[in-house]
Amino acid sequence: MKYSLHIIAILFVGVLGINAQSKKDGWQRIFNGKDLSGWYVHVKGQPKNSDPTKIVGVTDGMIHIYPDAEQGSKQPIAVVCTEKEYADYDLRFEYKWGTKKFAPRVDKIRDSGLLYHCFDEQVWPSSVECQIQEGDTGDIWAVRTQVQTTVDPSKKQHVFLPEKDGGVMNTFVKTNSVIGIRKSHIAEKEGWNTVEVKIRGDSAVHIINGQTNNMVFSMARLVDDKWEPLTKGKIALQAEFAEVFYRNIEIRPAGKKAAKK
């Protein structure tokens, strides 16, 4: 399904505060804070649901990435992924960087990511990513998928710019790799950060600490050599050589109506 930019703009007006916790608002926790019930871990080089070195753990109510790994040690990549698929929803959570980094990224900025609309069983499944990385949270990555967004025509890099501000619609596609679109501004801060992603059909908005900094349209997957709308899938968090904590992971079914302000 496809939405015009005008409809999408109306659809995603307004951002809910992270403190809105009541059931009447429709938010449901998809991580119980005790264990990984409803989730599975997939570590590179291991079968699904096998995590012998505990790449993903639960610590004090948080998903803890690389909890027991020694600083500077060589570690594999992994994801922790929902068992269920989701469509038409708002997702929000908080993340905070730990202190440890691992080979081969010991001397690089800390990196992780939220993958949504995941649809295969690869360690990093085909999907669309809301980047979680120091200084780059909110970037879009098409992971073996196709996406569209509006970008600043004056920039050499692909930098998001709303259509109303002069952004030009571009299509980005990678069938066997990834391609990225940078956020419009940096909203990350020290300590805990709040990520909210609003998904309607094949379109999404990335909101970091209450600020919209990226939008994606016409998400698609390749099926029998034809691009088909990508409108649902699993939700995953990446382990990518940096210690990170995730908490208060919640989802709110939204149908195809505008989210409440």
Protein backbone atom coordinates (compact mmCIF):
# COMPACT_ATOMS: atom_id res chain seq x y z
CA MET A 1 0.00 0.00 0.00
CA LYS A 2 1.19 3.53 -0.66
CA TYR A 3 0.39 6.82 1.00
CA SER A 4 0.89 10.28 -0.46
CA LEU A 5 3.31 12.60 1.31
CA HIS A 6 0.36 14.78 2.30
CA ILE A 7 -1.44 11.89 4.00
CA ILE A 8 1.75 10.72 5.69
CA ALA A 9 2.40 14.22 7.01
CA ILE A 10 -1.06 14.31 8.58
CA LEU A 11 -0.76 10.74 9.81
CA PHE A 12 2.35 11.32 11.87
CA VAL A 13 1.67 14.76 13.34
CA GLY A 14 2.31 14.77 17.06
CA VAL A 15 4.57 12.74 19.30
CA LEU A 16 3.54 10.99 22.50
CA GLY A 17 5.72 11.47 25.58
CA ILE A 18 7.56 8.40 26.83
CA ASN A 19 5.83 8.69 30.21
CA ALA A 20 2.37 7.88 28.84
CA GLN A 21 2.04 4.40 30.36
CA SER A 22 -1.66 3.81 30.92
CA LYS A 23 -3.40 0.89 29.26
CA LYS A 24 -6.10 3.21 27.91
CA ASP A 25 -3.45 4.68 25.62
CA GLY A 26 -3.00 1.23 24.10
CA TRP A 27 0.71 0.71 24.85
CA GLN A 28 1.73 -2.90 25.41
CA ARG A 29 5.12 -4.10 26.63
CA ILE A 30 6.70 -6.64 24.27
CA PHE A 31 9.68 -7.21 26.58
CA ASN A 32 8.68 -8.29 30.09
CA GLY A 33 11.87 -7.14 31.80
CA LYS A 34 12.51 -10.60 33.26
CA ASP A 35 13.53 -12.86 30.39
CA LEU A 36 13.40 -13.11 26.61
CA SER A 37 9.96 -14.72 26.39
CA GLY A 38 8.51 -13.85 22.98
CA TRP A 39 11.96 -13.18 21.54
CA TYR A 40 14.72 -15.33 20.09
CA VAL A 41 18.45 -14.75 19.69
CA HIS A 42 20.30 -15.47 16.45
CA VAL A 43 24.10 -15.32 16.67
CA LYS A 44 26.34 -15.45 13.60
CA GLY A 45 27.76 -18.96 13.23
CA GLN A 46 25.12 -20.49 15.52
CA PRO A 47 21.70 -22.00 14.84
CA LYS A 48 18.70 -19.88 15.70
CA ASN A 49 18.00 -19.75 19.44
CA SER A 50 21.53 -20.87 20.33
CA ASP A 51 23.54 -18.30 22.31
CA PRO A 52 26.31 -20.28 24.05
CA THR A 53 28.41 -17.25 25.02
CA LYS A 54 25.42 -15.13 26.08
CA ILE A 55 25.62 -12.34 23.54
CA VAL A 56 22.18 -11.19 24.73
CA GLY A 57 21.08 -11.21 28.36
CA VAL A 58 18.64 -9.56 30.75
CA THR A 59 20.04 -7.30 33.49
CA ASP A 60 17.91 -5.32 35.97
CA GLY A 61 14.88 -5.22 33.68
CA MET A 62 16.89 -4.36 30.56
CA ILE A 63 17.98 -6.24 27.46
CA HIS A 64 21.76 -6.21 27.82
CA ILE A 65 23.88 -6.69 24.69
CA TYR A 66 27.24 -8.43 25.34
CA PRO A 67 26.74 -8.54 29.15
CA ASP A 68 29.62 -10.91 29.94
CA ALA A 69 32.05 -10.17 27.10
CA GLU A 70 35.47 -8.83 28.01
CA GLN A 71 36.36 -5.34 26.79
CA GLY A 72 38.28 -5.52 23.50
CA SER A 73 37.59 -9.21 22.89
CA LYS A 74 36.50 -10.52 19.50
CA GLN A 75 32.74 -11.05 19.43
CA PRO A 76 30.16 -12.14 16.84
CA ILE A 77 27.23 -10.11 15.59
CA ALA A 78 23.70 -11.15 16.54
CA VAL A 79 20.09 -10.05 16.80
CA VAL A 80 17.41 -10.48 19.40
CA CYS A 81 14.16 -10.72 17.45
CA THR A 82 10.44 -10.99 18.20
CA GLU A 83 8.71 -14.27 17.47
CA LYS A 84 5.66 -12.38 16.20
CA GLU A 85 5.19 -10.19 13.15
CA TYR A 86 3.68 -6.72 13.48
CA ALA A 87 2.00 -4.24 11.13
CA ASP A 88 0.59 -0.72 11.58
CA TYR A 89 1.94 0.24 14.98
CA ASP A 90 3.87 2.71 17.08
CA LEU A 91 7.02 1.35 18.73
CA ARG A 92 9.02 3.07 21.44
CA PHE A 93 11.90 2.17 23.71
CA GLU A 94 14.91 3.61 25.49
CA TYR A 95 18.57 2.75 24.97
CA LYS A 96 21.85 3.62 26.67
CA TRP A 97 25.41 2.79 25.68
CA GLY A 98 27.58 0.66 27.93
CA THR A 99 31.31 1.14 28.33
CA LYS A 100 32.63 -1.87 26.43
CA LYS A 101 33.52 -2.17 22.75
CA PHE A 102 34.65 -5.28 20.91
CA ALA A 103 36.81 -6.34 17.98
CA PRO A 104 36.73 -5.52 15.15
CA ARG A 105 35.19 -2.15 16.21
CA VAL A 106 37.19 -1.37 19.36
CA ASP A 107 38.43 1.93 17.93
CA LYS A 108 35.15 2.93 16.25
CA ILE A 109 31.95 4.59 17.43
CA ARG A 110 29.39 2.41 19.19
CA ASP A 111 26.86 0.80 16.89
CA SER A 112 23.57 -1.10 17.14
CA GLY A 113 20.22 -0.81 15.39
CA LEU A 114 16.49 -1.40 15.31
CA LEU A 115 15.32 -3.59 12.43
CA TYR A 116 11.61 -3.56 11.56
CA HIS A 117 9.50 -5.38 8.98
CA CYS A 118 12.02 -8.28 9.19
CA PHE A 119 10.99 -11.11 6.88
CA ASP A 120 13.68 -13.79 6.65
CA GLU A 121 15.94 -15.88 8.90
CA GLN A 122 19.33 -14.33 8.21
CA VAL A 123 21.34 -13.22 11.25
CA TRP A 124 20.64 -9.65 10.25
CA PRO A 125 17.31 -10.22 8.52
CA SER A 126 16.14 -8.39 5.42
CA SER A 127 14.30 -5.37 6.76
CA VAL A 128 14.42 -1.60 7.18
CA GLU A 129 16.68 -0.24 9.91
CA CYS A 130 16.44 2.71 12.23
CA GLN A 131 20.14 3.16 12.94
CA ILE A 132 21.26 3.30 16.56
CA GLN A 133 24.83 4.56 16.52
CA GLU A 134 26.71 7.30 18.32
CA GLY A 135 25.87 10.50 16.44
CA ASP A 136 23.82 8.70 13.78
CA THR A 137 20.68 7.47 15.54
CA GLY A 138 17.69 7.78 13.22
CA ASP A 139 19.49 7.08 9.94
CA ILE A 140 17.59 4.78 7.55
CA TRP A 141 19.25 1.62 6.22
CA ALA A 142 17.55 -0.50 3.57
CA VAL A 143 18.70 -4.04 4.40
CA ARG A 144 18.21 -5.99 1.15
CA THR A 145 15.06 -3.96 0.56
CA GLN A 146 13.84 -0.92 -1.40
CA VAL A 147 12.74 2.38 0.15
CA GLN A 148 11.90 5.92 -0.88
CA THR A 149 12.41 9.19 0.96
CA THR A 150 12.89 12.88 0.25
CA VAL A 151 16.48 14.11 0.34
CA ASP A 152 18.31 17.42 0.20
CA PRO A 153 19.31 17.95 -3.46
CA SER A 154 22.18 20.25 -2.40
CA LYS A 155 23.97 17.50 -0.43
CA LYS A 156 26.35 14.93 -1.90
CA GLN A 157 25.31 12.42 0.75
CA HIS A 158 21.72 11.21 0.99
CA VAL A 159 20.38 13.49 3.75
CA PHE A 160 16.69 13.52 4.63
CA LEU A 161 14.83 16.78 3.94
CA PRO A 162 11.03 17.07 4.09
CA GLU A 163 9.28 17.78 0.81
CA LYS A 164 7.86 21.04 2.19
CA ASP A 165 11.44 22.25 2.73
CA GLY A 166 12.60 21.36 -0.77
CA GLY A 167 13.36 17.65 -0.39
CA VAL A 168 13.27 15.58 -3.59
CA MET A 169 11.90 12.03 -3.64
CA ASN A 170 14.53 9.37 -4.32
CA THR A 171 14.41 5.57 -4.48
CA PHE A 172 17.11 3.55 -2.72
CA VAL A 173 17.52 -0.17 -3.32
CA LYS A 174 19.92 -2.95 -2.35
CA THR A 175 19.07 -6.57 -3.13
CA ASN A 176 22.13 -8.17 -1.51
CA SER A 177 23.55 -5.49 0.79
CA VAL A 178 22.54 -2.24 2.54
CA ILE A 179 22.17 1.42 1.60
CA GLY A 180 21.68 4.33 3.98
CA ILE A 181 19.94 7.70 4.19
CA ARG A 182 21.21 10.09 6.85
CA LYS A 183 18.99 11.84 9.34
CA SER A 184 18.22 15.55 9.05
CA HIS A 185 19.69 16.43 12.46
CA ILE A 186 21.28 14.87 15.54
CA ALA A 187 19.02 14.41 18.55
CA GLU A 188 21.02 11.87 20.58
CA LYS A 189 22.18 12.81 24.08
CA GLU A 190 24.30 11.32 26.87
CA GLY A 191 22.65 8.59 28.94
CA TRP A 192 19.20 7.28 28.09
CA ASN A 193 17.69 8.11 24.71
CA THR A 194 14.14 7.52 23.52
CA VAL A 195 13.41 6.10 20.07
CA GLU A 196 9.92 6.05 18.61
CA VAL A 197 9.07 4.63 15.20
CA LYS A 198 5.57 5.11 13.78
CA ILE A 199 4.74 2.60 11.05
CA ARG A 200 1.72 2.69 8.77
CA GLY A 201 1.74 0.13 5.98
CA ASP A 202 4.90 0.63 3.94
CA SER A 203 5.80 4.02 5.46
CA ALA A 204 7.51 4.99 8.72
CA VAL A 205 8.75 7.95 10.74
CA HIS A 206 11.83 7.93 13.01
CA ILE A 207 11.56 10.10 16.13
CA ILE A 208 14.56 10.50 18.44
CA ASN A 209 14.05 12.14 21.84
CA GLY A 210 10.83 13.71 20.59
CA GLN A 211 12.29 15.08 17.35
CA THR A 212 11.34 13.72 13.93
CA ASN A 213 14.58 13.25 11.99
CA ASN A 214 13.75 10.80 9.18
CA MET A 215 10.85 9.43 7.15
CA VAL A 216 10.65 6.45 4.82
CA PHE A 217 8.05 5.62 2.17
CA SER A 218 7.19 2.76 -0.19
CA MET A 219 9.17 0.08 1.64
CA ALA A 220 9.32 -3.00 -0.58
CA ARG A 221 10.71 -6.53 -0.75
CA LEU A 222 11.73 -8.47 -3.84
CA VAL A 223 9.40 -11.39 -4.58
CA ASP A 224 9.92 -13.40 -7.77
CA ASP A 225 11.86 -10.51 -9.36
CA LYS A 226 9.08 -8.06 -8.54
CA TRP A 227 9.04 -5.40 -5.83
CA GLU A 228 6.09 -5.93 -3.49
CA PRO A 229 4.98 -3.59 -0.66
CA LEU A 230 6.66 -4.43 2.66
CA THR A 231 3.94 -3.84 5.25
CA LYS A 232 4.67 -6.19 8.14
CA GLY A 233 7.39 -8.19 9.83
CA LYS A 234 9.28 -8.98 13.00
CA ILE A 235 11.15 -6.48 15.16
CA ALA A 236 14.83 -6.97 16.04
CA LEU A 237 17.66 -5.27 17.93
CA GLN A 238 21.23 -5.68 16.74
CA ALA A 239 24.36 -6.72 18.59
CA GLU A 240 27.13 -5.01 16.63
CA PHE A 241 30.34 -5.01 18.68
CA ALA A 242 29.23 -2.55 21.39
CA GLU A 243 27.66 -2.95 24.81
CA VAL A 244 24.19 -1.41 24.91
CA PHE A 245 21.11 -1.54 27.15
CA TYR A 246 17.45 -1.47 26.02
CA ARG A 247 14.43 -0.96 28.27
CA ASN A 248 10.71 -0.06 28.23
CA ILE A 249 10.12 -1.67 24.83
CA GLU A 250 6.46 -1.02 24.01
CA ILE A 251 4.18 -1.25 21.03
CA ARG A 252 0.78 0.27 20.28
CA PRO A 253 -1.39 -1.12 17.49
CA ALA A 254 -2.51 1.76 15.32
CA GLY A 255 -4.52 0.37 12.43
CA LYS A 256 -4.30 2.77 9.53
CA LYS A 257 -5.67 5.78 11.39
CA ALA A 258 -3.63 8.71 12.56
CA ALA A 259 -1.99 8.27 15.96
CA LYS A 260 -3.42 10.37 18.76
CA LYS A 261 -1.55 13.51 19.69
